[in-house]
Structure formats: C-alpha cells, structure tokens
C-alpha cells in the first residue's frame, strides 16, 4: 500500500478509509456491502440455561448431555453455559451494596464459567473440553478431533458493560453472549435450551392462558413489548442486525428429543428470525 499525504498535510496509508472519521453515514452504509467471512458455517452453537437446566441437577442435565453426545458424530457443536440462580444471588448482593452494572457483569461471568467447568467435566469421557473466549480460533481443530468444546456464555464486556436503559442488571448476559458467539463464527444455528417449549405472550408459569408463539421476527417481537420474555431484549436488538445468524431457536431441554430435533433443523419450539 502506498503512502499519501492529504490536503491537511497528514500522512496516510492509501486505502478506502483513508482520512475518514468512521462516523459518516454513507461511508458506514458502504461497508455493509462487504462479504462476511463465516469461519464455521456448519457449527451449531447452543446454550444450556443455568436456572432452567443446570441448577436442576443430574435428573435434568444428564439427559440433555446424552442427546448432545449422541449427535456429536453428525453435528459440530459448541456448548455454552448460563449462570442461573447463583448469578441472581450475586446480583442481589451486589445491588444491595450499590455496585455498578459493570461489576454485576463481572460477577455473572464468573458464575457462568463455573457451570462451563462442570458441564465440560461431565462431557470429558465423550470429548468434552472447556475452552475460553481466546480459544475460539482453535475451534476448527477441536471439532476435527471430535471434541465437544464447552465455554461460558457471558460476553466479555465485564467492567465495560454499557449502562442499561432501566435499572442496573447487565443488559448483555448469556443469551446475548451465545448469539454474538454464533454471529462472529458464522454458525449455522443458534439454539437456546431452556425449560419452556418456547415463546409465549406472557410467562406461562404465571399466566396459564398465555398464547404460544411458534415463529416471529426479532423486530416484531420487540414491537410487541411483552411484559416478560424468556430471552434478553439486548439479544433481540442484535438479532435484528445480524449478518450471519438467520434464526435463534428456543427449545425445551426437559422434553426428550426436542434438542435433537433442533440440531436437525426442525423447530420444536419457537423460531425467532433475524431482521424486522
């Protein structure tokens, strides 16, 4: 690349972004036309819910892991873990002590990682291996060896978590981390394994008459402004703008075979589509 001096006298490496502020609207629009490289287009990224699955112990966790092991030969998988009840306890204490949102995010990350360690150990006889965020570039090697990589799902914002619009709970938690992982890897599918069939018009545990929603776009779901959601709103905002991930599936991990069906491309729960 050649060096070039602009009219102000500044020296630049000649490129399409030379001298740009990176804030001009038409420049940003132009960058949207570039091809997005997908590192692992056949990968299935899935999150095991902390409170919905892992906290319930072996009677719930082991059958889910059995499905993952059975599907390992046919589907490349990256397993992520939520934080669950222990993260909520930590949030409650930190809130009572007046801690800022970034500290809560750091606490949640630690607890999500504890769950990743336990799941990786349970899967160890079948190729389970715990990895960190810095190990994502090694994923192709792990998958070629037949391993099942396990990583905690809390995104690495930590102290730098942005302030939420309301309250102090970190807006980007393990649902967001799972989606962002799938997006950056160019994964085929992002699956959130919870303890409900999928999305309802209200919490079915509190409102038995709530209506089931089998498929909806992220933009439409945000526009409904439902009183409660089984997924993070921050994840939905990101899904609206997704480039690689075209859908997020919510499935009931306590329903035997639902996770396997999701890995096969079916929709045994709720499919949330990218875009508006």
C-alpha atoms as a PDB file:
ATOM      1  CA  UNK A   1       0.000   0.000   0.000  1.00  0.00           C
ATOM      2  CA  UNK A   2       1.284   3.442  -0.900  1.00  0.00           C
ATOM      3  CA  UNK A   3       1.645   6.368   1.463  1.00  0.00           C
ATOM      4  CA  UNK A   4      -0.249   9.531   0.573  1.00  0.00           C
ATOM      5  CA  UNK A   5      -0.407  12.980   2.141  1.00  0.00           C
ATOM      6  CA  UNK A   6      -3.863  14.576   2.306  1.00  0.00           C
ATOM      7  CA  UNK A   7      -4.721  18.258   1.850  1.00  0.00           C
ATOM      8  CA  UNK A   8      -4.195  18.965   5.559  1.00  0.00           C
ATOM      9  CA  UNK A   9      -0.681  17.557   5.455  1.00  0.00           C
ATOM     10  CA  UNK A  10      -1.429  14.342   7.320  1.00  0.00           C
ATOM     11  CA  UNK A  11       0.248  11.194   6.037  1.00  0.00           C
ATOM     12  CA  UNK A  12      -1.940   8.124   5.393  1.00  0.00           C
ATOM     13  CA  UNK A  13      -1.658   4.610   4.079  1.00  0.00           C
ATOM     14  CA  UNK A  14      -3.770   4.745   0.942  1.00  0.00           C
ATOM     15  CA  UNK A  15      -6.997   2.795   1.435  1.00  0.00           C
ATOM     16  CA  UNK A  16     -10.741   3.190   1.018  1.00  0.00           C
ATOM     17  CA  UNK A  17     -10.966   4.500   4.598  1.00  0.00           C
ATOM     18  CA  UNK A  18      -8.087   6.964   4.299  1.00  0.00           C
ATOM     19  CA  UNK A  19      -8.848  10.197   6.104  1.00  0.00           C
ATOM     20  CA  UNK A  20     -12.295   9.070   7.189  1.00  0.00           C
ATOM     21  CA  UNK A  21     -13.724   9.733  10.630  1.00  0.00           C
ATOM     22  CA  UNK A  22     -15.573   6.365  10.572  1.00  0.00           C
ATOM     23  CA  UNK A  23     -18.731   8.225  11.546  1.00  0.00           C
ATOM     24  CA  UNK A  24     -20.006   9.424   8.151  1.00  0.00           C
ATOM     25  CA  UNK A  25     -23.349   7.732   7.399  1.00  0.00           C
ATOM     26  CA  UNK A  26     -22.773   6.981   3.717  1.00  0.00           C
ATOM     27  CA  UNK A  27     -19.344   5.516   4.487  1.00  0.00           C
ATOM     28  CA  UNK A  28     -20.851   3.208   7.096  1.00  0.00           C
ATOM     29  CA  UNK A  29     -23.541   2.178   4.618  1.00  0.00           C
ATOM     30  CA  UNK A  30     -20.887   1.306   2.043  1.00  0.00           C
ATOM     31  CA  UNK A  31     -19.172  -1.102   4.444  1.00  0.00           C
ATOM     32  CA  UNK A  32     -22.403  -3.106   4.661  1.00  0.00           C
ATOM     33  CA  UNK A  33     -21.856  -4.454   1.146  1.00  0.00           C
ATOM     34  CA  UNK A  34     -18.708  -6.403   2.006  1.00  0.00           C
ATOM     35  CA  UNK A  35     -18.754 -10.209   2.080  1.00  0.00           C
ATOM     36  CA  UNK A  36     -18.905 -11.615   5.626  1.00  0.00           C
ATOM     37  CA  UNK A  37     -16.447 -14.443   6.175  1.00  0.00           C
ATOM     38  CA  UNK A  38     -18.033 -17.378   8.020  1.00  0.00           C
ATOM     39  CA  UNK A  39     -15.410 -19.365   9.903  1.00  0.00           C
ATOM     40  CA  UNK A  40     -17.638 -22.328  10.822  1.00  0.00           C
ATOM     41  CA  UNK A  41     -20.815 -22.307   8.682  1.00  0.00           C
ATOM     42  CA  UNK A  42     -21.833 -25.815   9.807  1.00  0.00           C
ATOM     43  CA  UNK A  43     -21.463 -25.133  13.525  1.00  0.00           C
ATOM     44  CA  UNK A  44     -24.374 -25.408  15.952  1.00  0.00           C
ATOM     45  CA  UNK A  45     -23.980 -23.003  18.895  1.00  0.00           C
ATOM     46  CA  UNK A  46     -26.218 -23.809  21.837  1.00  0.00           C
ATOM     47  CA  UNK A  47     -26.646 -22.563  25.369  1.00  0.00           C
ATOM     48  CA  UNK A  48     -27.692 -24.670  28.331  1.00  0.00           C
ATOM     49  CA  UNK A  49     -29.739 -22.440  30.604  1.00  0.00           C
ATOM     50  CA  UNK A  50     -28.335 -22.053  34.102  1.00  0.00           C
ATOM     51  CA  UNK A  51     -31.510 -21.632  36.113  1.00  0.00           C
ATOM     52  CA  UNK A  52     -33.701 -23.649  33.731  1.00  0.00           C
ATOM     53  CA  UNK A  53     -31.424 -26.687  33.352  1.00  0.00           C
ATOM     54  CA  UNK A  54     -28.077 -26.796  35.134  1.00  0.00           C
ATOM     55  CA  UNK A  55     -29.412 -25.754  38.549  1.00  0.00           C
ATOM     56  CA  UNK A  56     -31.870 -28.676  38.476  1.00  0.00           C
ATOM     57  CA  UNK A  57     -29.107 -31.257  38.794  1.00  0.00           C
ATOM     58  CA  UNK A  58     -28.393 -34.587  37.163  1.00  0.00           C
ATOM     59  CA  UNK A  59     -32.006 -35.626  36.543  1.00  0.00           C
ATOM     60  CA  UNK A  60     -32.342 -32.769  34.048  1.00  0.00           C
ATOM     61  CA  UNK A  61     -28.742 -32.195  32.938  1.00  0.00           C
ATOM     62  CA  UNK A  62     -27.677 -35.766  32.134  1.00  0.00           C
ATOM     63  CA  UNK A  63     -30.463 -36.494  29.575  1.00  0.00           C
ATOM     64  CA  UNK A  64     -29.608 -33.246  27.739  1.00  0.00           C
ATOM     65  CA  UNK A  65     -25.927 -34.175  27.618  1.00  0.00           C
ATOM     66  CA  UNK A  66     -26.841 -37.640  26.361  1.00  0.00           C
ATOM     67  CA  UNK A  67     -28.594 -36.027  23.389  1.00  0.00           C
ATOM     68  CA  UNK A  68     -25.534 -33.889  22.661  1.00  0.00           C
ATOM     69  CA  UNK A  69     -23.206 -36.875  22.810  1.00  0.00           C
ATOM     70  CA  UNK A  70     -25.481 -38.910  20.521  1.00  0.00           C
ATOM     71  CA  UNK A  71     -25.489 -36.077  17.974  1.00  0.00           C
ATOM     72  CA  UNK A  72     -21.764 -35.350  18.146  1.00  0.00           C
ATOM     73  CA  UNK A  73     -20.791 -37.540  15.183  1.00  0.00           C
ATOM     74  CA  UNK A  74     -23.233 -35.783  12.859  1.00  0.00           C
ATOM     75  CA  UNK A  75     -23.258 -32.179  14.073  1.00  0.00           C
ATOM     76  CA  UNK A  76     -20.445 -29.834  15.077  1.00  0.00           C
ATOM     77  CA  UNK A  77     -21.394 -28.302  18.424  1.00  0.00           C
ATOM     78  CA  UNK A  78     -20.189 -25.522  20.664  1.00  0.00           C
ATOM     79  CA  UNK A  79     -21.866 -25.691  24.079  1.00  0.00           C
ATOM     80  CA  UNK A  80     -22.211 -22.539  26.168  1.00  0.00           C
ATOM     81  CA  UNK A  81     -23.497 -22.249  29.734  1.00  0.00           C
ATOM     82  CA  UNK A  82     -25.718 -19.774  31.536  1.00  0.00           C
ATOM     83  CA  UNK A  83     -25.260 -18.527  35.083  1.00  0.00           C
ATOM     84  CA  UNK A  84     -28.551 -19.428  36.737  1.00  0.00           C
ATOM     85  CA  UNK A  85     -29.628 -18.964  40.327  1.00  0.00           C
ATOM     86  CA  UNK A  86     -26.160 -18.325  41.734  1.00  0.00           C
ATOM     87  CA  UNK A  87     -25.683 -15.349  39.416  1.00  0.00           C
ATOM     88  CA  UNK A  88     -29.004 -13.942  40.619  1.00  0.00           C
ATOM     89  CA  UNK A  89     -27.856 -14.272  44.233  1.00  0.00           C
ATOM     90  CA  UNK A  90     -24.619 -12.468  43.367  1.00  0.00           C
ATOM     91  CA  UNK A  91     -26.555  -9.731  41.538  1.00  0.00           C
ATOM     92  CA  UNK A  92     -28.842  -9.263  44.555  1.00  0.00           C
ATOM     93  CA  UNK A  93     -25.902  -8.844  46.937  1.00  0.00           C
ATOM     94  CA  UNK A  94     -24.053  -6.504  44.567  1.00  0.00           C
ATOM     95  CA  UNK A  95     -27.180  -4.391  44.041  1.00  0.00           C
ATOM     96  CA  UNK A  96     -27.667  -4.120  47.793  1.00  0.00           C
ATOM     97  CA  UNK A  97     -24.067  -2.948  48.124  1.00  0.00           C
ATOM     98  CA  UNK A  98     -24.577  -0.300  45.431  1.00  0.00           C
ATOM     99  CA  UNK A  99     -22.246  -1.871  42.871  1.00  0.00           C
ATOM    100  CA  UNK A 100     -22.335  -0.505  39.294  1.00  0.00           C
ATOM    101  CA  UNK A 101     -23.551  -2.551  36.346  1.00  0.00           C
ATOM    102  CA  UNK A 102     -20.024  -3.457  35.200  1.00  0.00           C
ATOM    103  CA  UNK A 103     -19.300  -5.195  38.497  1.00  0.00           C
ATOM    104  CA  UNK A 104     -22.513  -7.223  38.191  1.00  0.00           C
ATOM    105  CA  UNK A 105     -21.454  -8.277  34.693  1.00  0.00           C
ATOM    106  CA  UNK A 106     -18.089  -9.435  36.039  1.00  0.00           C
ATOM    107  CA  UNK A 107     -19.776 -11.495  38.753  1.00  0.00           C
ATOM    108  CA  UNK A 108     -22.161 -13.100  36.267  1.00  0.00           C
ATOM    109  CA  UNK A 109     -19.255 -14.106  34.046  1.00  0.00           C
ATOM    110  CA  UNK A 110     -17.518 -15.936  36.898  1.00  0.00           C
ATOM    111  CA  UNK A 111     -20.605 -17.989  37.719  1.00  0.00           C
ATOM    112  CA  UNK A 112     -21.304 -18.841  34.083  1.00  0.00           C
ATOM    113  CA  UNK A 113     -17.730 -20.142  33.884  1.00  0.00           C
ATOM    114  CA  UNK A 114     -18.258 -22.357  36.929  1.00  0.00           C
ATOM    115  CA  UNK A 115     -21.126 -24.026  35.094  1.00  0.00           C
ATOM    116  CA  UNK A 116     -18.972 -24.439  31.977  1.00  0.00           C
ATOM    117  CA  UNK A 117     -16.365 -26.259  34.061  1.00  0.00           C
ATOM    118  CA  UNK A 118     -18.939 -28.698  35.452  1.00  0.00           C
ATOM    119  CA  UNK A 119     -20.530 -29.407  32.061  1.00  0.00           C
ATOM    120  CA  UNK A 120     -17.111 -29.914  30.446  1.00  0.00           C
ATOM    121  CA  UNK A 121     -16.152 -32.405  33.141  1.00  0.00           C
ATOM    122  CA  UNK A 122     -19.387 -34.341  32.676  1.00  0.00           C
ATOM    123  CA  UNK A 123     -18.718 -34.475  28.928  1.00  0.00           C
ATOM    124  CA  UNK A 124     -14.995 -35.260  29.324  1.00  0.00           C
ATOM    125  CA  UNK A 125     -15.384 -39.039  28.687  1.00  0.00           C
ATOM    126  CA  UNK A 126     -17.005 -38.151  25.338  1.00  0.00           C
ATOM    127  CA  UNK A 127     -14.600 -35.430  24.219  1.00  0.00           C
ATOM    128  CA  UNK A 128     -15.800 -32.544  26.311  1.00  0.00           C
ATOM    129  CA  UNK A 129     -13.179 -29.825  26.736  1.00  0.00           C
ATOM    130  CA  UNK A 130     -13.526 -26.477  28.490  1.00  0.00           C
ATOM    131  CA  UNK A 131     -12.331 -23.521  26.443  1.00  0.00           C
ATOM    132  CA  UNK A 132     -12.098 -19.777  26.996  1.00  0.00           C
ATOM    133  CA  UNK A 133     -13.019 -16.877  24.759  1.00  0.00           C
ATOM    134  CA  UNK A 134      -9.454 -16.652  23.461  1.00  0.00           C
ATOM    135  CA  UNK A 135      -9.702 -20.264  22.253  1.00  0.00           C
ATOM    136  CA  UNK A 136     -12.376 -19.578  19.631  1.00  0.00           C
ATOM    137  CA  UNK A 137      -9.774 -19.550  16.847  1.00  0.00           C
ATOM    138  CA  UNK A 138      -8.848 -23.123  17.870  1.00  0.00           C
ATOM    139  CA  UNK A 139     -12.398 -24.404  17.401  1.00  0.00           C
ATOM    140  CA  UNK A 140     -11.809 -25.997  13.973  1.00  0.00           C
ATOM    141  CA  UNK A 141      -9.040 -28.139  15.483  1.00  0.00           C
ATOM    142  CA  UNK A 142     -11.173 -29.214  18.453  1.00  0.00           C
ATOM    143  CA  UNK A 143     -14.051 -30.118  16.146  1.00  0.00           C
ATOM    144  CA  UNK A 144     -11.831 -32.080  13.752  1.00  0.00           C
ATOM    145  CA  UNK A 145     -10.662 -34.119  16.744  1.00  0.00           C
ATOM    146  CA  UNK A 146     -14.268 -34.972  17.601  1.00  0.00           C
ATOM    147  CA  UNK A 147     -14.312 -32.891  20.790  1.00  0.00           C
ATOM    148  CA  UNK A 148     -17.295 -31.089  22.298  1.00  0.00           C
ATOM    149  CA  UNK A 149     -15.997 -27.617  23.273  1.00  0.00           C
ATOM    150  CA  UNK A 150     -17.709 -26.000  26.272  1.00  0.00           C
ATOM    151  CA  UNK A 151     -17.442 -22.272  27.002  1.00  0.00           C
ATOM    152  CA  UNK A 152     -19.180 -19.886  29.375  1.00  0.00           C
ATOM    153  CA  UNK A 153     -21.760 -17.720  27.631  1.00  0.00           C
ATOM    154  CA  UNK A 154     -21.375 -14.367  29.379  1.00  0.00           C
ATOM    155  CA  UNK A 155     -19.937 -11.904  26.819  1.00  0.00           C
ATOM    156  CA  UNK A 156     -16.581 -10.406  27.871  1.00  0.00           C
ATOM    157  CA  UNK A 157     -17.804  -6.864  28.469  1.00  0.00           C
ATOM    158  CA  UNK A 158     -17.182  -7.162  32.206  1.00  0.00           C
ATOM    159  CA  UNK A 159     -16.449  -3.807  33.808  1.00  0.00           C
ATOM    160  CA  UNK A 160     -17.137  -2.184  30.426  1.00  0.00           C
ATOM    161  CA  UNK A 161     -20.761  -3.311  30.203  1.00  0.00           C
ATOM    162  CA  UNK A 162     -22.863  -0.416  28.930  1.00  0.00           C
ATOM    163  CA  UNK A 163     -25.377   1.108  31.360  1.00  0.00           C
ATOM    164  CA  UNK A 164     -28.860  -0.370  30.890  1.00  0.00           C
ATOM    165  CA  UNK A 165     -31.815   1.815  29.958  1.00  0.00           C
ATOM    166  CA  UNK A 166     -33.571   0.826  33.198  1.00  0.00           C
ATOM    167  CA  UNK A 167     -32.078  -0.432  36.439  1.00  0.00           C
ATOM    168  CA  UNK A 168     -28.606  -1.891  36.941  1.00  0.00           C
ATOM    169  CA  UNK A 169     -28.880  -5.522  35.722  1.00  0.00           C
ATOM    170  CA  UNK A 170     -26.366  -6.090  32.862  1.00  0.00           C
ATOM    171  CA  UNK A 171     -28.328  -6.000  29.583  1.00  0.00           C
ATOM    172  CA  UNK A 172     -25.872  -8.298  27.774  1.00  0.00           C
ATOM    173  CA  UNK A 173     -25.911 -11.625  29.572  1.00  0.00           C
ATOM    174  CA  UNK A 174     -25.647 -15.226  28.447  1.00  0.00           C
ATOM    175  CA  UNK A 175     -28.327 -15.167  25.716  1.00  0.00           C
ATOM    176  CA  UNK A 176     -26.525 -12.217  24.122  1.00  0.00           C
ATOM    177  CA  UNK A 177     -23.157 -13.915  24.540  1.00  0.00           C
ATOM    178  CA  UNK A 178     -24.429 -17.069  22.842  1.00  0.00           C
ATOM    179  CA  UNK A 179     -25.861 -15.148  19.888  1.00  0.00           C
ATOM    180  CA  UNK A 180     -22.750 -12.978  19.482  1.00  0.00           C
ATOM    181  CA  UNK A 181     -20.568 -16.105  19.525  1.00  0.00           C
ATOM    182  CA  UNK A 182     -22.685 -17.701  16.805  1.00  0.00           C
ATOM    183  CA  UNK A 183     -22.637 -14.483  14.775  1.00  0.00           C
ATOM    184  CA  UNK A 184     -18.876 -13.988  14.829  1.00  0.00           C
ATOM    185  CA  UNK A 185     -18.258 -17.646  13.937  1.00  0.00           C
ATOM    186  CA  UNK A 186     -20.822 -17.578  11.125  1.00  0.00           C
ATOM    187  CA  UNK A 187     -22.609 -20.540  12.687  1.00  0.00           C
ATOM    188  CA  UNK A 188     -25.483 -22.348  11.030  1.00  0.00           C
ATOM    189  CA  UNK A 189     -27.790 -22.220  14.035  1.00  0.00           C
ATOM    190  CA  UNK A 190     -28.077 -20.664  17.485  1.00  0.00           C
ATOM    191  CA  UNK A 191     -30.116 -22.693  19.998  1.00  0.00           C
ATOM    192  CA  UNK A 192     -31.167 -21.596  23.493  1.00  0.00           C
ATOM    193  CA  UNK A 193     -32.034 -24.654  25.590  1.00  0.00           C
ATOM    194  CA  UNK A 194     -34.443 -23.679  28.347  1.00  0.00           C
ATOM    195  CA  UNK A 195     -37.227 -25.279  30.411  1.00  0.00           C
ATOM    196  CA  UNK A 196     -40.151 -23.962  28.365  1.00  0.00           C
ATOM    197  CA  UNK A 197     -41.427 -25.011  24.953  1.00  0.00           C
ATOM    198  CA  UNK A 198     -40.577 -21.594  23.584  1.00  0.00           C
ATOM    199  CA  UNK A 199     -42.031 -18.107  23.475  1.00  0.00           C
ATOM    200  CA  UNK A 200     -45.438 -17.180  24.897  1.00  0.00           C
ATOM    201  CA  UNK A 201     -47.395 -13.944  25.050  1.00  0.00           C
ATOM    202  CA  UNK A 202     -46.709 -13.925  28.812  1.00  0.00           C
ATOM    203  CA  UNK A 203     -44.944 -16.116  31.352  1.00  0.00           C
ATOM    204  CA  UNK A 204     -46.910 -19.418  31.177  1.00  0.00           C
ATOM    205  CA  UNK A 205     -45.865 -20.230  34.749  1.00  0.00           C
ATOM    206  CA  UNK A 206     -47.797 -17.182  35.936  1.00  0.00           C
ATOM    207  CA  UNK A 207     -50.412 -16.894  33.183  1.00  0.00           C
ATOM    208  CA  UNK A 208     -51.757 -20.311  32.103  1.00  0.00           C
ATOM    209  CA  UNK A 209     -53.792 -18.689  29.307  1.00  0.00           C
ATOM    210  CA  UNK A 210     -50.692 -17.228  27.613  1.00  0.00           C
ATOM    211  CA  UNK A 211     -50.581 -17.900  23.862  1.00  0.00           C
ATOM    212  CA  UNK A 212     -47.736 -19.879  22.300  1.00  0.00           C
ATOM    213  CA  UNK A 213     -45.720 -18.161  19.522  1.00  0.00           C
ATOM    214  CA  UNK A 214     -44.045 -20.696  17.170  1.00  0.00           C
ATOM    215  CA  UNK A 215     -42.307 -18.175  14.882  1.00  0.00           C
ATOM    216  CA  UNK A 216     -41.707 -14.425  14.882  1.00  0.00           C
ATOM    217  CA  UNK A 217     -39.051 -11.957  13.754  1.00  0.00           C
ATOM    218  CA  UNK A 218     -36.848 -10.199  16.284  1.00  0.00           C
ATOM    219  CA  UNK A 219     -38.232  -6.820  15.217  1.00  0.00           C
ATOM    220  CA  UNK A 220     -41.836  -7.964  15.558  1.00  0.00           C
ATOM    221  CA  UNK A 221     -41.118  -9.415  18.990  1.00  0.00           C
ATOM    222  CA  UNK A 222     -39.571  -6.171  20.189  1.00  0.00           C
ATOM    223  CA  UNK A 223     -42.547  -4.214  18.834  1.00  0.00           C
ATOM    224  CA  UNK A 224     -44.946  -6.347  20.906  1.00  0.00           C
ATOM    225  CA  UNK A 225     -43.216  -5.041  24.045  1.00  0.00           C
ATOM    226  CA  UNK A 226     -44.361  -8.066  26.067  1.00  0.00           C
ATOM    227  CA  UNK A 227     -44.348  -7.738  29.885  1.00  0.00           C
ATOM    228  CA  UNK A 228     -41.849 -10.606  30.215  1.00  0.00           C
ATOM    229  CA  UNK A 229     -39.568 -12.550  27.883  1.00  0.00           C
ATOM    230  CA  UNK A 230     -37.565 -15.801  28.129  1.00  0.00           C
ATOM    231  CA  UNK A 231     -34.722 -14.121  26.183  1.00  0.00           C
ATOM    232  CA  UNK A 232     -32.789 -10.909  26.656  1.00  0.00           C
ATOM    233  CA  UNK A 233     -34.041  -7.858  24.809  1.00  0.00           C
ATOM    234  CA  UNK A 234     -30.436  -6.875  24.079  1.00  0.00           C
ATOM    235  CA  UNK A 235     -30.043 -10.131  22.152  1.00  0.00           C
ATOM    236  CA  UNK A 236     -33.153  -9.320  20.106  1.00  0.00           C
ATOM    237  CA  UNK A 237     -31.778  -5.883  19.186  1.00  0.00           C
ATOM    238  CA  UNK A 238     -28.594  -7.574  17.965  1.00  0.00           C
ATOM    239  CA  UNK A 239     -30.554 -10.248  16.082  1.00  0.00           C
ATOM    240  CA  UNK A 240     -32.390  -7.543  14.129  1.00  0.00           C
ATOM    241  CA  UNK A 241     -28.997  -6.500  12.714  1.00  0.00           C
ATOM    242  CA  UNK A 242     -27.498  -9.998  12.310  1.00  0.00           C
ATOM    243  CA  UNK A 243     -25.379 -10.717   9.222  1.00  0.00           C
ATOM    244  CA  UNK A 244     -24.666 -14.451   9.592  1.00  0.00           C
ATOM    245  CA  UNK A 245     -27.184 -15.897  12.052  1.00  0.00           C
ATOM    246  CA  UNK A 246     -30.641 -16.047  10.490  1.00  0.00           C
ATOM    247  CA  UNK A 247     -32.541 -17.510  13.434  1.00  0.00           C
ATOM    248  CA  UNK A 248     -32.413 -18.266  17.138  1.00  0.00           C
ATOM    249  CA  UNK A 249     -34.326 -21.303  18.342  1.00  0.00           C
ATOM    250  CA  UNK A 250     -35.787 -21.663  21.830  1.00  0.00           C
ATOM    251  CA  UNK A 251     -36.332 -25.295  22.811  1.00  0.00           C
ATOM    252  CA  UNK A 252     -37.385 -27.157  25.925  1.00  0.00           C
ATOM    253  CA  UNK A 253     -34.402 -29.173  27.136  1.00  0.00           C
ATOM    254  CA  UNK A 254     -36.639 -31.121  29.501  1.00  0.00           C
ATOM    255  CA  UNK A 255     -38.593 -32.558  26.571  1.00  0.00           C
ATOM    256  CA  UNK A 256     -36.657 -35.571  25.372  1.00  0.00           C
ATOM    257  CA  UNK A 257     -35.766 -35.279  21.698  1.00  0.00           C
ATOM    258  CA  UNK A 258     -36.503 -31.547  21.332  1.00  0.00           C
ATOM    259  CA  UNK A 259     -32.822 -30.600  21.282  1.00  0.00           C
ATOM    260  CA  UNK A 260     -32.040 -33.324  18.742  1.00  0.00           C
ATOM    261  CA  UNK A 261     -34.856 -32.054  16.515  1.00  0.00           C
ATOM    262  CA  UNK A 262     -33.433 -28.529  16.723  1.00  0.00           C
ATOM    263  CA  UNK A 263     -29.973 -29.785  15.727  1.00  0.00           C
ATOM    264  CA  UNK A 264     -31.609 -31.456  12.719  1.00  0.00           C
ATOM    265  CA  UNK A 265     -33.049 -28.121  11.577  1.00  0.00           C
ATOM    266  CA  UNK A 266     -36.591 -28.610  12.852  1.00  0.00           C
ATOM    267  CA  UNK A 267     -38.499 -26.163  15.037  1.00  0.00           C
ATOM    268  CA  UNK A 268     -39.729 -27.993  18.145  1.00  0.00           C
ATOM    269  CA  UNK A 269     -40.189 -24.711  19.998  1.00  0.00           C
ATOM    270  CA  UNK A 270     -40.019 -21.079  18.869  1.00  0.00           C
ATOM    271  CA  UNK A 271     -38.008 -19.752  15.935  1.00  0.00           C
ATOM    272  CA  UNK A 272     -37.003 -16.088  16.249  1.00  0.00           C
ATOM    273  CA  UNK A 273     -35.914 -14.825  12.838  1.00  0.00           C
ATOM    274  CA  UNK A 274     -33.332 -12.142  12.256  1.00  0.00           C
ATOM    275  CA  UNK A 275     -34.371  -8.761  10.909  1.00  0.00           C
ATOM    276  CA  UNK A 276     -37.506  -6.727  11.334  1.00  0.00           C
END
